[in-house]
Amino acid sequence: MDTSTPMGSMIFTVMAALARMELEIERERITDSVAPRRATGKDLGGRRPTFTDSQIRKTFRRTASSGRAGRPQHP
């Protein structure tokens, strides 16, 4: 597309306006779906925790009982 011509510039402007409109519509849809979920305390998705709380506590207990807590690991 040659944007140095009036016709090319107009097409570029129209395409940019359409892209912006699509982005705003998508944001509106996301906002409209998140607000009611937050209000009812439902899950919003996102990344799940890698470890459960019980796994973390268990690891701390094992580390503390082995006497290696807080010590750097050197080969």
C-alpha atoms as a PDB file:
ATOM      1  CA  MET A   1       0.000   0.000   0.000  1.00  0.00           C
ATOM      2  CA  ASP A   2       1.403   3.325  -1.042  1.00  0.00           C
ATOM      3  CA  THR A   3       0.583   5.832   1.706  1.00  0.00           C
ATOM      4  CA  SER A   4       2.146   8.711  -0.209  1.00  0.00           C
ATOM      5  CA  THR A   5      -0.959   8.923  -2.418  1.00  0.00           C
ATOM      6  CA  PRO A   6      -4.285  10.305  -1.174  1.00  0.00           C
ATOM      7  CA  MET A   7      -6.069   7.007  -1.869  1.00  0.00           C
ATOM      8  CA  GLY A   8      -3.411   4.952  -0.050  1.00  0.00           C
ATOM      9  CA  SER A   9      -3.490   7.313   2.902  1.00  0.00           C
ATOM     10  CA  MET A  10      -7.279   7.079   3.105  1.00  0.00           C
ATOM     11  CA  ILE A  11      -7.243   3.256   2.991  1.00  0.00           C
ATOM     12  CA  PHE A  12      -4.576   3.152   5.696  1.00  0.00           C
ATOM     13  CA  THR A  13      -6.614   5.530   7.878  1.00  0.00           C
ATOM     14  CA  VAL A  14      -9.793   3.485   7.431  1.00  0.00           C
ATOM     15  CA  MET A  15      -7.985   0.228   8.263  1.00  0.00           C
ATOM     16  CA  ALA A  16      -6.448   1.816  11.374  1.00  0.00           C
ATOM     17  CA  ALA A  17      -9.864   3.071  12.480  1.00  0.00           C
ATOM     18  CA  LEU A  18     -11.363  -0.419  12.038  1.00  0.00           C
ATOM     19  CA  ALA A  19      -8.534  -2.003  14.007  1.00  0.00           C
ATOM     20  CA  ARG A  20      -9.013   0.475  16.839  1.00  0.00           C
ATOM     21  CA  MET A  21     -12.764  -0.141  16.868  1.00  0.00           C
ATOM     22  CA  GLU A  22     -12.203  -3.913  17.115  1.00  0.00           C
ATOM     23  CA  LEU A  23      -9.799  -3.391  20.008  1.00  0.00           C
ATOM     24  CA  GLU A  24     -12.277  -1.202  21.868  1.00  0.00           C
ATOM     25  CA  ILE A  25     -15.099  -3.700  21.311  1.00  0.00           C
ATOM     26  CA  GLU A  26     -12.913  -6.499  22.685  1.00  0.00           C
ATOM     27  CA  ARG A  27     -12.008  -4.437  25.761  1.00  0.00           C
ATOM     28  CA  GLU A  28     -15.676  -3.670  26.342  1.00  0.00           C
ATOM     29  CA  ARG A  29     -16.586  -7.356  26.156  1.00  0.00           C
ATOM     30  CA  ILE A  30     -13.854  -8.270  28.619  1.00  0.00           C
ATOM     31  CA  THR A  31     -14.892  -5.523  31.043  1.00  0.00           C
ATOM     32  CA  ASP A  32     -18.534  -6.556  30.774  1.00  0.00           C
ATOM     33  CA  SER A  33     -17.689 -10.174  31.638  1.00  0.00           C
ATOM     34  CA  VAL A  34     -15.201  -9.449  34.443  1.00  0.00           C
ATOM     35  CA  ALA A  35     -17.357  -7.035  36.479  1.00  0.00           C
ATOM     36  CA  PRO A  36     -20.154  -9.517  37.278  1.00  0.00           C
ATOM     37  CA  ARG A  37     -17.621 -12.281  37.994  1.00  0.00           C
ATOM     38  CA  ARG A  38     -15.778 -10.071  40.476  1.00  0.00           C
ATOM     39  CA  ALA A  39     -19.042  -9.041  42.132  1.00  0.00           C
ATOM     40  CA  THR A  40     -20.036 -12.677  42.707  1.00  0.00           C
ATOM     41  CA  GLY A  41     -16.512 -13.781  43.678  1.00  0.00           C
ATOM     42  CA  LYS A  42     -16.113 -16.192  40.770  1.00  0.00           C
ATOM     43  CA  ASP A  43     -12.846 -17.253  39.204  1.00  0.00           C
ATOM     44  CA  LEU A  44     -11.405 -14.782  36.702  1.00  0.00           C
ATOM     45  CA  GLY A  45      -9.088 -17.302  35.109  1.00  0.00           C
ATOM     46  CA  GLY A  46      -5.420 -16.532  34.815  1.00  0.00           C
ATOM     47  CA  ARG A  47      -2.422 -18.581  35.759  1.00  0.00           C
ATOM     48  CA  ARG A  48      -3.005 -21.273  38.324  1.00  0.00           C
ATOM     49  CA  PRO A  49      -0.679 -21.583  41.327  1.00  0.00           C
ATOM     50  CA  THR A  50       2.188 -23.953  40.621  1.00  0.00           C
ATOM     51  CA  PHE A  51       2.235 -25.341  44.152  1.00  0.00           C
ATOM     52  CA  THR A  52      -0.562 -25.773  46.649  1.00  0.00           C
ATOM     53  CA  ASP A  53      -0.323 -24.305  50.149  1.00  0.00           C
ATOM     54  CA  SER A  54       0.036 -27.795  51.625  1.00  0.00           C
ATOM     55  CA  GLN A  55       2.953 -28.583  49.285  1.00  0.00           C
ATOM     56  CA  ILE A  56       4.728 -25.376  50.340  1.00  0.00           C
ATOM     57  CA  ARG A  57       4.201 -26.083  54.074  1.00  0.00           C
ATOM     58  CA  LYS A  58       5.421 -29.663  53.622  1.00  0.00           C
ATOM     59  CA  THR A  59       8.598 -28.439  51.904  1.00  0.00           C
ATOM     60  CA  PHE A  60       9.297 -25.905  54.667  1.00  0.00           C
ATOM     61  CA  ARG A  61       8.850 -28.613  57.309  1.00  0.00           C
ATOM     62  CA  ARG A  62      11.213 -30.996  55.487  1.00  0.00           C
ATOM     63  CA  THR A  63      13.817 -28.265  55.019  1.00  0.00           C
ATOM     64  CA  ALA A  64      13.634 -27.210  58.666  1.00  0.00           C
ATOM     65  CA  SER A  65      13.865 -30.803  59.939  1.00  0.00           C
ATOM     66  CA  SER A  66      16.903 -31.594  57.775  1.00  0.00           C
ATOM     67  CA  GLY A  67      18.887 -28.748  59.347  1.00  0.00           C
ATOM     68  CA  ARG A  68      19.602 -27.185  55.977  1.00  0.00           C
ATOM     69  CA  ALA A  69      17.279 -24.218  56.367  1.00  0.00           C
ATOM     70  CA  GLY A  70      18.905 -20.957  55.343  1.00  0.00           C
ATOM     71  CA  ARG A  71      22.209 -22.511  54.378  1.00  0.00           C
ATOM     72  CA  PRO A  72      23.550 -22.015  50.850  1.00  0.00           C
ATOM     73  CA  GLN A  73      23.898 -25.156  48.764  1.00  0.00           C
ATOM     74  CA  HIS A  74      27.525 -25.719  47.702  1.00  0.00           C
ATOM     75  CA  PRO A  75      28.633 -28.749  45.725  1.00  0.00           C
END
